Structures are given as structure tokens and as C-alpha cells.
Amino acid sequence: MPSLVGINHIALEVDDIDEALVFWESIFGPLQLRGRGKQMAFIDMGDQFIALARGRTQPPDQHRHFGLVVDDKEAVRARLRELGIPVSSRRGLDFRDPSGNLIQIVDYRDVQFTKTDNVLSAMGLNDIEKSESALAELRAKGMNV
């Protein structure tokens, strides 16, 4: 049987690629793109990426969402406040992009998700460390980090 290994990318339908990129940059600063065309753009995240595809076909999501891992959740919260972007703390830190996609922000320190040292280094995140609770969850699975 094959085994699940991870997620290579997330694909989001958006109304407008330019508007979506401006929105993402307003929160996270200059983006590194893996590629860009009229209908798609690919936001690089080290060894993963987010694919933005023009042509949203459904209304805003109510429950479907994805968890975006960041190096500083509270900095994202502060930036969203500065931009006047409504947030929900029902499950942590949730917000919607202009096309209605529901995004949940999670802090790298607090989740089991782990990047290799060489990927973290290439991303300029050499000093980021897991919280004790995340380390305990990893150890409980036999994943000593």
C-alpha cells in the first residue's frame, strides 16, 4: 500500500491573480514566485507552494479551509489588524482572502509539521524552534527532533 507523505501544494481559485498577489504581499511582504502566467501564479514556500488559479466558481467557503504555517502568528494577527482585514479566533486565527478562501494561520513552533534544517536555512529561518508541546507530540509518534 502507498503511504501519505505530505502536501506538495495547495491550489486556490481566485477571482483575479493580480488582486490575489497584492493581497498576499500586503500581509507577507515581497513574494517569491515559482512561476506566473495569465491564469495562474505560484507562491513559493521553500519546498512547498500555493497555486493561485484564476476562475473562482463557488461562493465563499464556510468551513473548508487550509492551515497556513508561519514563523510568527502574532505578527500576522497584527498585520491583519493594520490592514483592517477581519479575523476570527474561533479556531485560532482565521481570515478570508478577497475571493472568499478561508485561511487559518498556525505557528510553526506549535505544530507537528517540520521542515528539514536545510530548507529552514534556505528560507532564512535557522533560529526557529518548536514549542515543548509540539516536541512532545512528535516524540509520542517516535519522531525525535
C-alpha atoms as a PDB file:
ATOM      1  CA  MET A   1       0.000   0.000   0.000  1.00  0.00           C
ATOM      2  CA  PRO A   2       1.252   3.537  -0.690  1.00  0.00           C
ATOM      3  CA  SER A   3       1.770   5.908   2.237  1.00  0.00           C
ATOM      4  CA  LEU A   4       0.770   9.547   2.579  1.00  0.00           C
ATOM      5  CA  VAL A   5       3.937  11.644   2.812  1.00  0.00           C
ATOM      6  CA  GLY A   6       2.852  15.280   2.867  1.00  0.00           C
ATOM      7  CA  ILE A   7       1.403  18.111   0.841  1.00  0.00           C
ATOM      8  CA  ASN A   8       3.299  19.499  -2.130  1.00  0.00           C
ATOM      9  CA  HIS A   9       0.972  22.440  -2.711  1.00  0.00           C
ATOM     10  CA  ILE A  10      -2.422  23.986  -2.121  1.00  0.00           C
ATOM     11  CA  ALA A  11      -4.420  25.274  -5.105  1.00  0.00           C
ATOM     12  CA  LEU A  12      -6.827  28.167  -4.554  1.00  0.00           C
ATOM     13  CA  GLU A  13      -9.314  29.543  -7.023  1.00  0.00           C
ATOM     14  CA  VAL A  14      -9.261  33.336  -7.021  1.00  0.00           C
ATOM     15  CA  ASP A  15     -11.228  35.979  -8.876  1.00  0.00           C
ATOM     16  CA  ASP A  16      -8.158  37.886 -10.062  1.00  0.00           C
ATOM     17  CA  ILE A  17      -4.471  36.855  -9.964  1.00  0.00           C
ATOM     18  CA  ASP A  18      -3.118  40.417  -9.648  1.00  0.00           C
ATOM     19  CA  GLU A  19      -5.534  41.252  -6.818  1.00  0.00           C
ATOM     20  CA  ALA A  20      -4.658  37.999  -5.039  1.00  0.00           C
ATOM     21  CA  LEU A  21      -0.902  38.650  -5.268  1.00  0.00           C
ATOM     22  CA  VAL A  22      -1.305  42.224  -3.996  1.00  0.00           C
ATOM     23  CA  PHE A  23      -3.357  40.852  -1.079  1.00  0.00           C
ATOM     24  CA  TRP A  24      -0.770  38.188  -0.162  1.00  0.00           C
ATOM     25  CA  GLU A  25       2.068  40.725  -0.443  1.00  0.00           C
ATOM     26  CA  SER A  26       0.198  43.179   1.779  1.00  0.00           C
ATOM     27  CA  ILE A  27       0.351  40.600   4.570  1.00  0.00           C
ATOM     28  CA  PHE A  28       3.629  38.755   3.947  1.00  0.00           C
ATOM     29  CA  GLY A  29       5.742  41.289   2.043  1.00  0.00           C
ATOM     30  CA  PRO A  30       7.500  40.569  -1.251  1.00  0.00           C
ATOM     31  CA  LEU A  31       6.694  37.104  -2.530  1.00  0.00           C
ATOM     32  CA  GLN A  32       8.985  34.669  -4.257  1.00  0.00           C
ATOM     33  CA  LEU A  33       7.092  33.232  -7.225  1.00  0.00           C
ATOM     34  CA  ARG A  34       7.922  29.884  -8.813  1.00  0.00           C
ATOM     35  CA  GLY A  35       6.092  30.979 -11.920  1.00  0.00           C
ATOM     36  CA  ARG A  36       3.408  33.293 -13.196  1.00  0.00           C
ATOM     37  CA  GLY A  37       1.016  33.273 -16.136  1.00  0.00           C
ATOM     38  CA  LYS A  38      -2.260  34.966 -17.053  1.00  0.00           C
ATOM     39  CA  GLN A  39      -4.340  32.287 -15.332  1.00  0.00           C
ATOM     40  CA  MET A  40      -2.014  31.112 -12.523  1.00  0.00           C
ATOM     41  CA  ALA A  41       0.690  32.197 -10.088  1.00  0.00           C
ATOM     42  CA  PHE A  42       2.755  30.000  -7.789  1.00  0.00           C
ATOM     43  CA  ILE A  43       3.819  31.421  -4.404  1.00  0.00           C
ATOM     44  CA  ASP A  44       6.992  29.702  -3.209  1.00  0.00           C
ATOM     45  CA  MET A  45       7.259  28.475   0.399  1.00  0.00           C
ATOM     46  CA  GLY A  46      10.620  26.704   0.379  1.00  0.00           C
ATOM     47  CA  ASP A  47       9.835  23.092  -0.537  1.00  0.00           C
ATOM     48  CA  GLN A  48       6.100  23.747  -0.998  1.00  0.00           C
ATOM     49  CA  PHE A  49       3.939  26.287  -2.797  1.00  0.00           C
ATOM     50  CA  ILE A  50       0.498  27.826  -3.115  1.00  0.00           C
ATOM     51  CA  ALA A  51      -1.003  27.796  -6.603  1.00  0.00           C
ATOM     52  CA  LEU A  52      -3.419  30.634  -7.340  1.00  0.00           C
ATOM     53  CA  ALA A  53      -5.740  29.838 -10.238  1.00  0.00           C
ATOM     54  CA  ARG A  54      -7.988  32.459 -11.843  1.00  0.00           C
ATOM     55  CA  GLY A  55     -11.640  31.475 -12.126  1.00  0.00           C
ATOM     56  CA  ARG A  56     -13.383  31.173  -8.766  1.00  0.00           C
ATOM     57  CA  THR A  57     -16.515  29.074  -9.381  1.00  0.00           C
ATOM     58  CA  GLN A  58     -18.162  28.813  -5.977  1.00  0.00           C
ATOM     59  CA  PRO A  59     -19.334  31.184  -3.246  1.00  0.00           C
ATOM     60  CA  PRO A  60     -17.068  31.927  -0.246  1.00  0.00           C
ATOM     61  CA  ASP A  61     -16.173  28.855   1.785  1.00  0.00           C
ATOM     62  CA  GLN A  62     -17.924  28.461   5.118  1.00  0.00           C
ATOM     63  CA  HIS A  63     -15.957  25.601   6.677  1.00  0.00           C
ATOM     64  CA  ARG A  64     -13.473  24.389   4.075  1.00  0.00           C
ATOM     65  CA  HIS A  65     -10.094  25.944   4.829  1.00  0.00           C
ATOM     66  CA  PHE A  66      -6.393  25.249   4.966  1.00  0.00           C
ATOM     67  CA  GLY A  67      -3.848  25.890   7.684  1.00  0.00           C
ATOM     68  CA  LEU A  68      -1.011  28.144   6.598  1.00  0.00           C
ATOM     69  CA  VAL A  69       2.138  27.704   8.700  1.00  0.00           C
ATOM     70  CA  VAL A  70       4.011  30.912   9.530  1.00  0.00           C
ATOM     71  CA  ASP A  71       7.056  31.801  11.611  1.00  0.00           C
ATOM     72  CA  ASP A  72       5.144  34.356  13.729  1.00  0.00           C
ATOM     73  CA  LYS A  73       1.377  34.018  14.129  1.00  0.00           C
ATOM     74  CA  GLU A  74       1.051  37.141  16.265  1.00  0.00           C
ATOM     75  CA  ALA A  75       2.859  39.249  13.649  1.00  0.00           C
ATOM     76  CA  VAL A  76       0.280  38.057  11.100  1.00  0.00           C
ATOM     77  CA  ARG A  77      -2.537  38.951  13.512  1.00  0.00           C
ATOM     78  CA  ALA A  78      -1.058  42.445  13.947  1.00  0.00           C
ATOM     79  CA  ARG A  79      -0.639  42.906  10.195  1.00  0.00           C
ATOM     80  CA  LEU A  80      -4.224  41.823   9.502  1.00  0.00           C
ATOM     81  CA  ARG A  81      -5.407  44.385  12.089  1.00  0.00           C
ATOM     82  CA  GLU A  82      -3.302  47.115  10.440  1.00  0.00           C
ATOM     83  CA  LEU A  83      -4.880  46.280   7.084  1.00  0.00           C
ATOM     84  CA  GLY A  84      -8.406  46.177   8.529  1.00  0.00           C
ATOM     85  CA  ILE A  85      -8.883  42.551   7.474  1.00  0.00           C
ATOM     86  CA  PRO A  86     -11.491  40.887   9.691  1.00  0.00           C
ATOM     87  CA  VAL A  87     -10.223  37.895  11.663  1.00  0.00           C
ATOM     88  CA  SER A  88     -11.968  35.147  13.561  1.00  0.00           C
ATOM     89  CA  SER A  89     -10.379  33.413  16.504  1.00  0.00           C
ATOM     90  CA  ARG A  90     -12.922  30.596  16.550  1.00  0.00           C
ATOM     91  CA  ARG A  91     -10.221  28.034  15.682  1.00  0.00           C
ATOM     92  CA  GLY A  92      -7.180  30.209  16.192  1.00  0.00           C
ATOM     93  CA  LEU A  93      -6.522  32.931  13.622  1.00  0.00           C
ATOM     94  CA  ASP A  94      -8.734  32.735  10.540  1.00  0.00           C
ATOM     95  CA  PHE A  95      -9.321  35.239   7.750  1.00  0.00           C
ATOM     96  CA  ARG A  96     -10.633  35.325   4.194  1.00  0.00           C
ATOM     97  CA  ASP A  97      -8.877  36.433   1.057  1.00  0.00           C
ATOM     98  CA  PRO A  98     -10.737  38.748  -1.381  1.00  0.00           C
ATOM     99  CA  SER A  99     -12.122  35.678  -3.212  1.00  0.00           C
ATOM    100  CA  GLY A 100     -13.601  34.161  -0.042  1.00  0.00           C
ATOM    101  CA  ASN A 101     -10.998  31.453   0.606  1.00  0.00           C
ATOM    102  CA  LEU A 102     -10.815  30.723   4.339  1.00  0.00           C
ATOM    103  CA  ILE A 103      -7.242  30.657   5.664  1.00  0.00           C
ATOM    104  CA  GLN A 104      -6.214  29.545   9.157  1.00  0.00           C
ATOM    105  CA  ILE A 105      -2.852  30.743  10.445  1.00  0.00           C
ATOM    106  CA  VAL A 106      -0.806  28.361  12.594  1.00  0.00           C
ATOM    107  CA  ASP A 107       2.603  28.994  14.128  1.00  0.00           C
ATOM    108  CA  TYR A 108       5.445  26.688  13.054  1.00  0.00           C
ATOM    109  CA  ARG A 109       6.579  26.438  16.679  1.00  0.00           C
ATOM    110  CA  ASP A 110       3.268  24.915  17.792  1.00  0.00           C
ATOM    111  CA  VAL A 111       2.524  22.238  15.185  1.00  0.00           C
ATOM    112  CA  GLN A 112       3.977  18.837  14.328  1.00  0.00           C
ATOM    113  CA  PHE A 113       4.756  19.926  10.759  1.00  0.00           C
ATOM    114  CA  THR A 114       8.548  20.091  10.471  1.00  0.00           C
ATOM    115  CA  LYS A 115      10.820  21.320   7.697  1.00  0.00           C
ATOM    116  CA  THR A 116      14.338  19.958   7.321  1.00  0.00           C
ATOM    117  CA  ASP A 117      17.233  22.077   8.569  1.00  0.00           C
ATOM    118  CA  ASN A 118      18.482  22.777   5.038  1.00  0.00           C
ATOM    119  CA  VAL A 119      15.041  24.024   3.913  1.00  0.00           C
ATOM    120  CA  LEU A 120      14.704  26.234   7.015  1.00  0.00           C
ATOM    121  CA  SER A 121      18.178  27.611   6.384  1.00  0.00           C
ATOM    122  CA  ALA A 122      17.396  28.388   2.744  1.00  0.00           C
ATOM    123  CA  MET A 123      14.270  30.219   3.923  1.00  0.00           C
ATOM    124  CA  GLY A 124      16.250  32.276   6.448  1.00  0.00           C
ATOM    125  CA  LEU A 125      14.566  30.575   9.413  1.00  0.00           C
ATOM    126  CA  ASN A 126      17.601  28.977  11.089  1.00  0.00           C
ATOM    127  CA  ASP A 127      16.651  30.057  14.621  1.00  0.00           C
ATOM    128  CA  ILE A 128      13.023  28.920  14.746  1.00  0.00           C
ATOM    129  CA  GLU A 129      12.391  26.239  17.380  1.00  0.00           C
ATOM    130  CA  LYS A 130       9.423  24.032  18.227  1.00  0.00           C
ATOM    131  CA  SER A 131       7.412  24.540  21.422  1.00  0.00           C
ATOM    132  CA  GLU A 132       7.603  21.863  24.117  1.00  0.00           C
ATOM    133  CA  SER A 133       4.049  20.731  23.312  1.00  0.00           C
ATOM    134  CA  ALA A 134       4.873  20.273  19.611  1.00  0.00           C
ATOM    135  CA  LEU A 135       8.077  18.401  20.509  1.00  0.00           C
ATOM    136  CA  ALA A 136       6.110  16.144  22.882  1.00  0.00           C
ATOM    137  CA  GLU A 137       3.600  15.343  20.111  1.00  0.00           C
ATOM    138  CA  LEU A 138       6.460  14.490  17.739  1.00  0.00           C
ATOM    139  CA  ARG A 139       8.239  12.329  20.343  1.00  0.00           C
ATOM    140  CA  ALA A 140       4.969  10.476  21.061  1.00  0.00           C
ATOM    141  CA  LYS A 141       4.996   9.423  17.390  1.00  0.00           C
ATOM    142  CA  GLY A 142       8.618   8.351  17.571  1.00  0.00           C
ATOM    143  CA  MET A 143       9.756  11.399  15.614  1.00  0.00           C
ATOM    144  CA  ASN A 144      12.654  12.659  17.708  1.00  0.00           C
ATOM    145  CA  VAL A 145      13.642  16.106  16.502  1.00  0.00           C
END
